[in-house]
Amino acid sequence: MTKQSTFQALSDGTRRQILRYLKERDMTAGEIAEKFASSKPTISHHLSILKQADLISDQRSGQSIMYSLNTSVFEEILEWIMEFLEKKPDGPTDRKA
């Protein structure tokens, strides 16, 4: 997983909505596709991008594939963002006035 692939995956509204659904519960591709007007191949493409970014994982269950949210990636991104929010100690900065 790279931050770039994560942010690219998160840049699409459909993919963000898929993540919201998976936050509530694990779902099959069919269950996810039913929630959108998009075609099943389009949803499959979105799921592939989310999986490549390691934002979701999948596990075969019989003839279905169950998708789950991978919260560890969100924790890593949040940790990275928090680095920018931490107060810096007083002293010289690299900024020019």
N, C-alpha and C. Protein backbone atom coordinates (compact mmCIF):
# COMPACT_ATOMS: atom_id res chain seq x y z
N MET A 1 0.83 -1.18 0.00
CA MET A 1 0.00 0.00 0.00
C MET A 1 0.88 1.24 0.00
N THR A 2 0.53 2.16 -0.86
CA THR A 2 1.19 3.46 -0.84
C THR A 2 0.15 4.51 -0.52
N LYS A 3 0.60 5.60 0.03
CA LYS A 3 -0.34 6.69 0.33
C LYS A 3 -0.99 7.19 -0.95
N GLN A 4 -0.22 7.21 -2.04
CA GLN A 4 -0.77 7.68 -3.31
C GLN A 4 -1.92 6.79 -3.76
N SER A 5 -1.75 5.47 -3.71
CA SER A 5 -2.83 4.57 -4.13
C SER A 5 -4.03 4.70 -3.20
N THR A 6 -3.77 4.91 -1.92
CA THR A 6 -4.87 5.08 -0.96
C THR A 6 -5.66 6.34 -1.28
N PHE A 7 -4.97 7.45 -1.47
CA PHE A 7 -5.67 8.71 -1.75
C PHE A 7 -6.37 8.67 -3.11
N GLN A 8 -5.76 8.01 -4.09
CA GLN A 8 -6.43 7.87 -5.39
C GLN A 8 -7.71 7.06 -5.24
N ALA A 9 -7.66 6.00 -4.46
CA ALA A 9 -8.85 5.18 -4.24
C ALA A 9 -9.93 5.98 -3.52
N LEU A 10 -9.52 6.80 -2.57
CA LEU A 10 -10.48 7.59 -1.79
C LEU A 10 -11.02 8.80 -2.55
N SER A 11 -10.43 9.11 -3.68
CA SER A 11 -10.83 10.31 -4.42
C SER A 11 -12.18 10.16 -5.13
N ASP A 12 -12.68 8.95 -5.23
CA ASP A 12 -13.93 8.69 -5.95
C ASP A 12 -15.10 8.53 -4.97
N GLY A 13 -16.18 9.24 -5.24
CA GLY A 13 -17.35 9.21 -4.36
C GLY A 13 -17.99 7.83 -4.24
N THR A 14 -18.05 7.08 -5.32
CA THR A 14 -18.62 5.73 -5.26
C THR A 14 -17.80 4.84 -4.34
N ARG A 15 -16.48 4.93 -4.46
CA ARG A 15 -15.63 4.11 -3.61
C ARG A 15 -15.76 4.51 -2.14
N ARG A 16 -15.88 5.82 -1.89
CA ARG A 16 -16.08 6.25 -0.49
C ARG A 16 -17.40 5.71 0.04
N GLN A 17 -18.44 5.67 -0.80
CA GLN A 17 -19.72 5.15 -0.36
C GLN A 17 -19.64 3.64 -0.10
N ILE A 18 -18.91 2.92 -0.93
CA ILE A 18 -18.70 1.49 -0.70
C ILE A 18 -18.05 1.28 0.66
N LEU A 19 -17.06 2.10 0.99
CA LEU A 19 -16.39 1.98 2.28
C LEU A 19 -17.37 2.25 3.43
N ARG A 20 -18.28 3.19 3.24
CA ARG A 20 -19.29 3.47 4.28
C ARG A 20 -20.18 2.25 4.49
N TYR A 21 -20.58 1.60 3.42
CA TYR A 21 -21.40 0.39 3.55
C TYR A 21 -20.64 -0.71 4.27
N LEU A 22 -19.36 -0.87 3.91
CA LEU A 22 -18.56 -1.93 4.53
C LEU A 22 -18.21 -1.60 5.98
N LYS A 23 -18.30 -0.34 6.35
CA LYS A 23 -18.10 0.03 7.75
C LYS A 23 -19.22 -0.56 8.60
N GLU A 24 -20.40 -0.66 8.02
CA GLU A 24 -21.57 -1.18 8.74
C GLU A 24 -21.52 -2.71 8.87
N ARG A 25 -21.10 -3.39 7.77
CA ARG A 25 -21.04 -4.84 7.80
C ARG A 25 -20.33 -5.35 6.55
N ASP A 26 -19.81 -6.57 6.62
CA ASP A 26 -19.21 -7.22 5.46
C ASP A 26 -20.31 -7.50 4.45
N MET A 27 -19.98 -7.39 3.17
CA MET A 27 -20.97 -7.57 2.11
C MET A 27 -20.37 -8.29 0.92
N THR A 28 -21.23 -8.95 0.15
CA THR A 28 -20.79 -9.54 -1.12
C THR A 28 -20.80 -8.45 -2.19
N ALA A 29 -20.14 -8.74 -3.31
CA ALA A 29 -20.14 -7.79 -4.42
C ALA A 29 -21.57 -7.53 -4.90
N GLY A 30 -22.38 -8.58 -4.93
CA GLY A 30 -23.77 -8.42 -5.36
C GLY A 30 -24.56 -7.50 -4.45
N GLU A 31 -24.36 -7.66 -3.14
CA GLU A 31 -25.06 -6.79 -2.18
C GLU A 31 -24.63 -5.34 -2.35
N ILE A 32 -23.35 -5.14 -2.60
CA ILE A 32 -22.84 -3.78 -2.81
C ILE A 32 -23.42 -3.22 -4.10
N ALA A 33 -23.40 -4.01 -5.17
CA ALA A 33 -23.88 -3.55 -6.48
C ALA A 33 -25.35 -3.16 -6.44
N GLU A 34 -26.14 -3.86 -5.61
CA GLU A 34 -27.57 -3.54 -5.50
C GLU A 34 -27.82 -2.13 -4.99
N LYS A 35 -26.86 -1.55 -4.31
CA LYS A 35 -27.02 -0.23 -3.71
C LYS A 35 -26.71 0.90 -4.69
N PHE A 36 -26.26 0.56 -5.89
CA PHE A 36 -25.85 1.56 -6.87
C PHE A 36 -26.58 1.36 -8.19
N ALA A 37 -26.70 2.44 -8.94
CA ALA A 37 -27.29 2.37 -10.28
C ALA A 37 -26.24 1.90 -11.30
N SER A 38 -24.99 1.88 -10.92
CA SER A 38 -23.90 1.47 -11.81
C SER A 38 -24.00 -0.02 -12.12
N SER A 39 -23.36 -0.42 -13.21
CA SER A 39 -23.35 -1.84 -13.60
C SER A 39 -22.47 -2.64 -12.64
N LYS A 40 -22.68 -3.95 -12.62
CA LYS A 40 -21.87 -4.82 -11.77
C LYS A 40 -20.39 -4.77 -12.16
N PRO A 41 -20.06 -4.74 -13.47
CA PRO A 41 -18.64 -4.61 -13.82
C PRO A 41 -18.01 -3.31 -13.30
N THR A 42 -18.78 -2.23 -13.28
CA THR A 42 -18.28 -0.95 -12.76
C THR A 42 -18.00 -1.08 -11.27
N ILE A 43 -18.92 -1.67 -10.52
CA ILE A 43 -18.72 -1.86 -9.09
C ILE A 43 -17.54 -2.80 -8.84
N SER A 44 -17.41 -3.82 -9.66
CA SER A 44 -16.28 -4.74 -9.54
C SER A 44 -14.96 -3.99 -9.73
N HIS A 45 -14.94 -3.07 -10.67
CA HIS A 45 -13.75 -2.25 -10.91
C HIS A 45 -13.43 -1.40 -9.67
N HIS A 46 -14.45 -0.79 -9.08
CA HIS A 46 -14.24 0.01 -7.87
C HIS A 46 -13.71 -0.87 -6.73
N LEU A 47 -14.26 -2.07 -6.59
CA LEU A 47 -13.80 -2.99 -5.55
C LEU A 47 -12.34 -3.38 -5.78
N SER A 48 -11.98 -3.57 -7.03
CA SER A 48 -10.59 -3.91 -7.36
C SER A 48 -9.64 -2.79 -6.96
N ILE A 49 -10.01 -1.56 -7.23
CA ILE A 49 -9.17 -0.41 -6.87
C ILE A 49 -9.04 -0.32 -5.35
N LEU A 50 -10.15 -0.50 -4.63
CA LEU A 50 -10.11 -0.46 -3.17
C LEU A 50 -9.24 -1.58 -2.62
N LYS A 51 -9.31 -2.75 -3.25
CA LYS A 51 -8.50 -3.89 -2.81
C LYS A 51 -7.02 -3.63 -3.08
N GLN A 52 -6.70 -3.09 -4.25
CA GLN A 52 -5.31 -2.77 -4.58
C GLN A 52 -4.72 -1.76 -3.60
N ALA A 53 -5.56 -0.84 -3.12
CA ALA A 53 -5.11 0.15 -2.15
C ALA A 53 -5.11 -0.41 -0.73
N ASP A 54 -5.50 -1.67 -0.60
CA ASP A 54 -5.55 -2.38 0.68
C ASP A 54 -6.57 -1.77 1.65
N LEU A 55 -7.55 -1.06 1.11
CA LEU A 55 -8.61 -0.49 1.95
C LEU A 55 -9.67 -1.51 2.29
N ILE A 56 -9.77 -2.56 1.47
CA ILE A 56 -10.70 -3.65 1.74
C ILE A 56 -9.99 -4.98 1.54
N SER A 57 -10.55 -6.02 2.10
CA SER A 57 -10.04 -7.37 1.86
C SER A 57 -11.22 -8.22 1.42
N ASP A 58 -10.92 -9.35 0.82
CA ASP A 58 -11.98 -10.24 0.38
C ASP A 58 -11.69 -11.66 0.83
N GLN A 59 -12.76 -12.41 1.00
CA GLN A 59 -12.63 -13.81 1.40
C GLN A 59 -13.77 -14.58 0.75
N ARG A 60 -13.38 -15.67 0.09
CA ARG A 60 -14.38 -16.52 -0.56
C ARG A 60 -15.20 -17.23 0.49
N SER A 61 -16.52 -17.22 0.28
CA SER A 61 -17.46 -17.90 1.16
C SER A 61 -18.43 -18.65 0.25
N GLY A 62 -18.15 -19.94 0.01
CA GLY A 62 -18.96 -20.69 -0.95
C GLY A 62 -18.71 -20.13 -2.34
N GLN A 63 -19.79 -19.74 -3.03
CA GLN A 63 -19.65 -19.17 -4.37
C GLN A 63 -19.57 -17.66 -4.34
N SER A 64 -19.67 -17.08 -3.17
CA SER A 64 -19.62 -15.62 -3.03
C SER A 64 -18.27 -15.18 -2.48
N ILE A 65 -17.98 -13.92 -2.69
CA ILE A 65 -16.80 -13.30 -2.10
C ILE A 65 -17.30 -12.22 -1.16
N MET A 66 -16.88 -12.33 0.11
CA MET A 66 -17.26 -11.33 1.11
C MET A 66 -16.18 -10.27 1.18
N TYR A 67 -16.60 -9.02 1.15
CA TYR A 67 -15.68 -7.89 1.26
C TYR A 67 -15.77 -7.29 2.65
N SER A 68 -14.62 -6.92 3.19
CA SER A 68 -14.52 -6.34 4.52
C SER A 68 -13.66 -5.10 4.48
N LEU A 69 -13.94 -4.18 5.37
CA LEU A 69 -13.15 -2.97 5.51
C LEU A 69 -11.84 -3.31 6.22
N ASN A 70 -10.74 -2.77 5.73
CA ASN A 70 -9.43 -2.96 6.35
C ASN A 70 -9.10 -1.69 7.14
N THR A 71 -9.43 -1.70 8.42
CA THR A 71 -9.28 -0.49 9.23
C THR A 71 -7.82 -0.14 9.51
N SER A 72 -6.92 -1.10 9.40
CA SER A 72 -5.51 -0.81 9.70
C SER A 72 -4.94 0.25 8.75
N VAL A 73 -5.39 0.26 7.51
CA VAL A 73 -4.90 1.27 6.56
C VAL A 73 -5.39 2.65 6.97
N PHE A 74 -6.63 2.73 7.42
CA PHE A 74 -7.16 4.01 7.89
C PHE A 74 -6.37 4.50 9.11
N GLU A 75 -5.99 3.58 9.97
CA GLU A 75 -5.19 3.94 11.15
C GLU A 75 -3.84 4.49 10.72
N GLU A 76 -3.22 3.87 9.73
CA GLU A 76 -1.92 4.35 9.24
C GLU A 76 -2.04 5.74 8.64
N ILE A 77 -3.08 5.96 7.85
CA ILE A 77 -3.28 7.27 7.22
C ILE A 77 -3.56 8.32 8.29
N LEU A 78 -4.37 7.98 9.27
CA LEU A 78 -4.68 8.91 10.34
C LEU A 78 -3.42 9.27 11.12
N GLU A 79 -2.59 8.29 11.39
CA GLU A 79 -1.32 8.54 12.06
C GLU A 79 -0.45 9.48 11.25
N TRP A 80 -0.41 9.27 9.95
CA TRP A 80 0.36 10.13 9.06
C TRP A 80 -0.18 11.55 9.09
N ILE A 81 -1.49 11.72 9.06
CA ILE A 81 -2.11 13.05 9.10
C ILE A 81 -1.83 13.72 10.44
N MET A 82 -1.89 12.95 11.52
CA MET A 82 -1.67 13.52 12.85
C MET A 82 -0.27 14.11 12.99
N GLU A 83 0.69 13.59 12.25
CA GLU A 83 2.04 14.16 12.28
C GLU A 83 2.02 15.64 11.89
N PHE A 84 1.10 16.01 11.01
CA PHE A 84 1.02 17.38 10.54
C PHE A 84 0.26 18.28 11.51
N LEU A 85 -0.49 17.67 12.39
CA LEU A 85 -1.29 18.43 13.34
C LEU A 85 -0.60 18.63 14.69
N GLU A 86 0.47 17.87 14.92
CA GLU A 86 1.20 17.99 16.17
C GLU A 86 1.86 19.36 16.24
N LYS A 87 1.84 19.93 17.43
CA LYS A 87 2.46 21.23 17.63
C LYS A 87 3.97 21.07 17.57
N LYS A 88 4.60 21.96 16.82
CA LYS A 88 6.06 21.94 16.72
C LYS A 88 6.64 22.73 17.89
N PRO A 89 7.79 22.34 18.37
CA PRO A 89 8.42 23.10 19.46
C PRO A 89 8.77 24.50 18.99
N ASP A 90 8.82 25.44 19.93
CA ASP A 90 9.20 26.82 19.58
C ASP A 90 10.64 26.82 19.07
N GLY A 91 10.89 27.67 18.14
CA GLY A 91 12.24 27.75 17.61
C GLY A 91 12.19 28.16 16.15
N PRO A 92 13.33 28.20 15.51
CA PRO A 92 13.36 28.60 14.11
C PRO A 92 12.56 27.66 13.24
N THR A 93 11.96 28.21 12.21
CA THR A 93 11.22 27.42 11.25
C THR A 93 11.82 27.60 9.87
N ASP A 94 11.39 26.77 8.96
CA ASP A 94 11.88 26.87 7.58
C ASP A 94 11.09 27.88 6.77
N ARG A 95 10.04 28.42 7.35
CA ARG A 95 9.22 29.39 6.62
C ARG A 95 9.91 30.73 6.52
N LYS A 96 9.66 31.40 5.41
CA LYS A 96 10.18 32.75 5.22
C LYS A 96 9.02 33.71 5.35
N ALA A 97 9.22 34.76 6.07
CA ALA A 97 8.16 35.74 6.31
C ALA A 97 7.87 36.55 5.10
